[in-house]
Amino acid sequence: MARNELRPVVKLRSTVGTGYTYVTRKNRRNDPERLELRKFDPVAGRHVVFREER
């Protein structure tokens, strides 16, 4: 089954500069702008903001 481009795979990169990334999928119809989530960064050892990378 082919993947739909409505839910593309996006990379979330840490904003504190550790280089740690999460990979997830998002719905382009509901979230057309860049995604921002607060997640745990194991390199920094705390929760930080992760932003969508293009």
PDB file of N, CA and C in Angstrom:
ATOM      1  N   MET A   1       0.840  -1.181   0.000  1.00  0.00           N
ATOM      2  CA  MET A   1       0.000   0.000   0.000  1.00  0.00           C
ATOM      3  C   MET A   1       0.887   1.247   0.000  1.00  0.00           C
ATOM      4  N   ALA A   2       0.584   2.172  -0.865  1.00  0.00           N
ATOM      5  CA  ALA A   2       1.396   3.373  -0.998  1.00  0.00           C
ATOM      6  C   ALA A   2       1.153   4.333   0.165  1.00  0.00           C
ATOM      7  N   ARG A   3       2.198   5.041   0.548  1.00  0.00           N
ATOM      8  CA  ARG A   3       2.085   6.054   1.605  1.00  0.00           C
ATOM      9  C   ARG A   3       1.383   7.285   1.059  1.00  0.00           C
ATOM     10  N   ASN A   4       0.559   7.893   1.894  1.00  0.00           N
ATOM     11  CA  ASN A   4      -0.174   9.086   1.495  1.00  0.00           C
ATOM     12  C   ASN A   4       0.629  10.334   1.874  1.00  0.00           C
ATOM     13  N   GLU A   5       0.666  11.306   0.991  1.00  0.00           N
ATOM     14  CA  GLU A   5       1.406  12.541   1.284  1.00  0.00           C
ATOM     15  C   GLU A   5       0.649  13.476   2.217  1.00  0.00           C
ATOM     16  N   LEU A   6      -0.564  13.091   2.625  1.00  0.00           N
ATOM     17  CA  LEU A   6      -1.290  13.894   3.599  1.00  0.00           C
ATOM     18  C   LEU A   6      -0.640  13.769   4.977  1.00  0.00           C
ATOM     19  N   ARG A   7      -0.003  12.622   5.268  1.00  0.00           N
ATOM     20  CA  ARG A   7       0.665  12.394   6.543  1.00  0.00           C
ATOM     21  C   ARG A   7       2.144  12.088   6.297  1.00  0.00           C
ATOM     22  N   PRO A   8       2.950  13.104   5.970  1.00  0.00           N
ATOM     23  CA  PRO A   8       4.370  12.856   5.675  1.00  0.00           C
ATOM     24  C   PRO A   8       5.176  12.599   6.944  1.00  0.00           C
ATOM     25  N   VAL A   9       6.312  11.941   6.766  1.00  0.00           N
ATOM     26  CA  VAL A   9       7.259  11.718   7.861  1.00  0.00           C
ATOM     27  C   VAL A   9       8.040  13.016   8.055  1.00  0.00           C
ATOM     28  N   VAL A  10       8.131  13.497   9.301  1.00  0.00           N
ATOM     29  CA  VAL A  10       8.877  14.723   9.599  1.00  0.00           C
ATOM     30  C   VAL A  10       9.916  14.431  10.678  1.00  0.00           C
ATOM     31  N   LYS A  11      10.997  15.206  10.652  1.00  0.00           N
ATOM     32  CA  LYS A  11      12.053  15.099  11.647  1.00  0.00           C
ATOM     33  C   LYS A  11      11.910  16.246  12.624  1.00  0.00           C
ATOM     34  N   LEU A  12      11.952  15.951  13.912  1.00  0.00           N
ATOM     35  CA  LEU A  12      11.905  16.987  14.951  1.00  0.00           C
ATOM     36  C   LEU A  12      13.296  17.104  15.545  1.00  0.00           C
ATOM     37  N   ARG A  13      13.917  18.282  15.432  1.00  0.00           N
ATOM     38  CA  ARG A  13      15.274  18.495  15.941  1.00  0.00           C
ATOM     39  C   ARG A  13      15.237  19.344  17.208  1.00  0.00           C
ATOM     40  N   SER A  14      16.081  18.999  18.158  1.00  0.00           N
ATOM     41  CA  SER A  14      16.162  19.704  19.438  1.00  0.00           C
ATOM     42  C   SER A  14      16.612  21.148  19.225  1.00  0.00           C
ATOM     43  N   THR A  15      16.022  22.078  19.990  1.00  0.00           N
ATOM     44  CA  THR A  15      16.375  23.497  19.855  1.00  0.00           C
ATOM     45  C   THR A  15      17.552  23.899  20.728  1.00  0.00           C
ATOM     46  N   VAL A  16      18.040  22.988  21.587  1.00  0.00           N
ATOM     47  CA  VAL A  16      19.171  23.354  22.451  1.00  0.00           C
ATOM     48  C   VAL A  16      20.510  23.030  21.800  1.00  0.00           C
ATOM     49  N   GLY A  17      20.484  22.501  20.570  1.00  0.00           N
ATOM     50  CA  GLY A  17      21.723  22.303  19.823  1.00  0.00           C
ATOM     51  C   GLY A  17      22.457  21.010  20.117  1.00  0.00           C
ATOM     52  N   THR A  18      21.785  20.015  20.675  1.00  0.00           N
ATOM     53  CA  THR A  18      22.448  18.741  20.951  1.00  0.00           C
ATOM     54  C   THR A  18      22.495  17.854  19.718  1.00  0.00           C
ATOM     55  N   GLY A  19      21.659  18.147  18.715  1.00  0.00           N
ATOM     56  CA  GLY A  19      21.624  17.341  17.513  1.00  0.00           C
ATOM     57  C   GLY A  19      20.705  16.137  17.607  1.00  0.00           C
ATOM     58  N   TYR A  20      20.010  15.972  18.725  1.00  0.00           N
ATOM     59  CA  TYR A  20      19.119  14.833  18.900  1.00  0.00           C
ATOM     60  C   TYR A  20      17.840  15.070  18.115  1.00  0.00           C
ATOM     61  N   THR A  21      17.313  14.008  17.458  1.00  0.00           N
ATOM     62  CA  THR A  21      16.104  14.142  16.655  1.00  0.00           C
ATOM     63  C   THR A  21      15.103  13.045  16.982  1.00  0.00           C
ATOM     64  N   TYR A  22      13.833  13.357  16.782  1.00  0.00           N
ATOM     65  CA  TYR A  22      12.743  12.393  16.816  1.00  0.00           C
ATOM     66  C   TYR A  22      12.168  12.344  15.411  1.00  0.00           C
ATOM     67  N   VAL A  23      11.616  11.192  15.018  1.00  0.00           N
ATOM     68  CA  VAL A  23      10.955  11.053  13.727  1.00  0.00           C
ATOM     69  C   VAL A  23       9.506  10.700  13.995  1.00  0.00           C
ATOM     70  N   THR A  24       8.585  11.437  13.357  1.00  0.00           N
ATOM     71  CA  THR A  24       7.157  11.209  13.552  1.00  0.00           C
ATOM     72  C   THR A  24       6.416  11.525  12.264  1.00  0.00           C
ATOM     73  N   ARG A  25       5.106  11.345  12.277  1.00  0.00           N
ATOM     74  CA  ARG A  25       4.257  11.693  11.137  1.00  0.00           C
ATOM     75  C   ARG A  25       3.294  12.783  11.570  1.00  0.00           C
ATOM     76  N   LYS A  26       2.904  13.638  10.631  1.00  0.00           N
ATOM     77  CA  LYS A  26       1.954  14.687  10.975  1.00  0.00           C
ATOM     78  C   LYS A  26       0.903  14.805   9.885  1.00  0.00           C
ATOM     79  N   ASN A  27      -0.234  15.352  10.237  1.00  0.00           N
ATOM     80  CA  ASN A  27      -1.322  15.567   9.298  1.00  0.00           C
ATOM     81  C   ASN A  27      -1.188  16.975   8.733  1.00  0.00           C
ATOM     82  N   ARG A  28      -0.919  17.080   7.446  1.00  0.00           N
ATOM     83  CA  ARG A  28      -0.733  18.395   6.814  1.00  0.00           C
ATOM     84  C   ARG A  28      -2.007  19.219   6.794  1.00  0.00           C
ATOM     85  N   ARG A  29      -3.151  18.570   6.764  1.00  0.00           N
ATOM     86  CA  ARG A  29      -4.416  19.303   6.719  1.00  0.00           C
ATOM     87  C   ARG A  29      -4.678  20.009   8.052  1.00  0.00           C
ATOM     88  N   ASN A  30      -4.364  19.360   9.168  1.00  0.00           N
ATOM     89  CA  ASN A  30      -4.603  19.949  10.489  1.00  0.00           C
ATOM     90  C   ASN A  30      -3.454  20.832  10.951  1.00  0.00           C
ATOM     91  N   ASP A  31      -2.221  20.533  10.553  1.00  0.00           N
ATOM     92  CA  ASP A  31      -1.029  21.279  10.986  1.00  0.00           C
ATOM     93  C   ASP A  31      -0.202  21.694   9.774  1.00  0.00           C
ATOM     94  N   PRO A  32      -0.627  22.703   9.017  1.00  0.00           N
ATOM     95  CA  PRO A  32       0.138  23.088   7.826  1.00  0.00           C
ATOM     96  C   PRO A  32       1.458  23.786   8.161  1.00  0.00           C
ATOM     97  N   GLU A  33       1.570  24.428   9.325  1.00  0.00           N
ATOM     98  CA  GLU A  33       2.810  25.099   9.698  1.00  0.00           C
ATOM     99  C   GLU A  33       3.756  24.104  10.371  1.00  0.00           C
ATOM    100  N   ARG A  34       4.950  24.567  10.696  1.00  0.00           N
ATOM    101  CA  ARG A  34       5.941  23.688  11.317  1.00  0.00           C
ATOM    102  C   ARG A  34       5.490  23.239  12.694  1.00  0.00           C
ATOM    103  N   LEU A  35       5.738  21.985  12.971  1.00  0.00           N
ATOM    104  CA  LEU A  35       5.321  21.371  14.219  1.00  0.00           C
ATOM    105  C   LEU A  35       6.320  21.695  15.324  1.00  0.00           C
ATOM    106  N   GLU A  36       5.828  22.004  16.531  1.00  0.00           N
ATOM    107  CA  GLU A  36       6.676  22.225  17.710  1.00  0.00           C
ATOM    108  C   GLU A  36       6.129  21.395  18.845  1.00  0.00           C
ATOM    109  N   LEU A  37       6.964  20.516  19.400  1.00  0.00           N
ATOM    110  CA  LEU A  37       6.558  19.666  20.514  1.00  0.00           C
ATOM    111  C   LEU A  37       7.601  19.747  21.614  1.00  0.00           C
ATOM    112  N   ARG A  38       7.163  19.624  22.850  1.00  0.00           N
ATOM    113  CA  ARG A  38       8.070  19.610  23.999  1.00  0.00           C
ATOM    114  C   ARG A  38       8.300  18.153  24.360  1.00  0.00           C
ATOM    115  N   LYS A  39       9.528  17.669  24.147  1.00  0.00           N
ATOM    116  CA  LYS A  39       9.867  16.275  24.370  1.00  0.00           C
ATOM    117  C   LYS A  39      11.172  16.173  25.142  1.00  0.00           C
ATOM    118  N   PHE A  40      11.491  14.961  25.595  1.00  0.00           N
ATOM    119  CA  PHE A  40      12.697  14.731  26.387  1.00  0.00           C
ATOM    120  C   PHE A  40      13.910  14.600  25.474  1.00  0.00           C
ATOM    121  N   ASP A  41      14.960  15.341  25.804  1.00  0.00           N
ATOM    122  CA  ASP A  41      16.239  15.242  25.094  1.00  0.00           C
ATOM    123  C   ASP A  41      17.211  14.500  26.003  1.00  0.00           C
ATOM    124  N   PRO A  42      17.571  13.242  25.695  1.00  0.00           N
ATOM    125  CA  PRO A  42      18.447  12.478  26.579  1.00  0.00           C
ATOM    126  C   PRO A  42      19.871  13.027  26.652  1.00  0.00           C
ATOM    127  N   VAL A  43      20.314  13.753  25.633  1.00  0.00           N
ATOM    128  CA  VAL A  43      21.650  14.346  25.663  1.00  0.00           C
ATOM    129  C   VAL A  43      21.680  15.508  26.646  1.00  0.00           C
ATOM    130  N   ALA A  44      20.641  16.348  26.619  1.00  0.00           N
ATOM    131  CA  ALA A  44      20.547  17.490  27.536  1.00  0.00           C
ATOM    132  C   ALA A  44      20.054  17.048  28.912  1.00  0.00           C
ATOM    133  N   GLY A  45      19.330  15.935  28.969  1.00  0.00           N
ATOM    134  CA  GLY A  45      18.828  15.423  30.241  1.00  0.00           C
ATOM    135  C   GLY A  45      17.600  16.140  30.756  1.00  0.00           C
ATOM    136  N   ARG A  46      16.845  16.775  29.874  1.00  0.00           N
ATOM    137  CA  ARG A  46      15.639  17.489  30.293  1.00  0.00           C
ATOM    138  C   ARG A  46      14.690  17.618  29.113  1.00  0.00           C
ATOM    139  N   HIS A  47      13.473  18.102  29.390  1.00  0.00           N
ATOM    140  CA  HIS A  47      12.490  18.341  28.343  1.00  0.00           C
ATOM    141  C   HIS A  47      12.783  19.677  27.666  1.00  0.00           C
ATOM    142  N   VAL A  48      12.791  19.678  26.353  1.00  0.00           N
ATOM    143  CA  VAL A  48      13.046  20.890  25.572  1.00  0.00           C
ATOM    144  C   VAL A  48      12.075  20.925  24.396  1.00  0.00           C
ATOM    145  N   VAL A  49      12.051  22.050  23.694  1.00  0.00           N
ATOM    146  CA  VAL A  49      11.196  22.209  22.519  1.00  0.00           C
ATOM    147  C   VAL A  49      11.906  21.603  21.317  1.00  0.00           C
ATOM    148  N   PHE A  50      11.185  20.784  20.565  1.00  0.00           N
ATOM    149  CA  PHE A  50      11.686  20.217  19.316  1.00  0.00           C
ATOM    150  C   PHE A  50      10.888  20.838  18.188  1.00  0.00           C
ATOM    151  N   ARG A  51      11.573  21.291  17.128  1.00  0.00           N
ATOM    152  CA  ARG A  51      10.911  21.918  15.984  1.00  0.00           C
ATOM    153  C   ARG A  51      11.057  21.058  14.745  1.00  0.00           C
ATOM    154  N   GLU A  52      10.059  21.143  13.890  1.00  0.00           N
ATOM    155  CA  GLU A  52      10.092  20.390  12.633  1.00  0.00           C
ATOM    156  C   GLU A  52      11.186  20.924  11.732  1.00  0.00           C
ATOM    157  N   GLU A  53      11.919  20.007  11.142  1.00  0.00           N
ATOM    158  CA  GLU A  53      13.003  20.351  10.233  1.00  0.00           C
ATOM    159  C   GLU A  53      12.584  19.988   8.818  1.00  0.00           C
ATOM    160  N   ARG A  54      12.920  20.834   7.848  1.00  0.00           N
ATOM    161  CA  ARG A  54      12.527  20.521   6.471  1.00  0.00           C
ATOM    162  C   ARG A  54      13.749  20.233   5.638  1.00  0.00           C
TER     163      ARG A  54
END
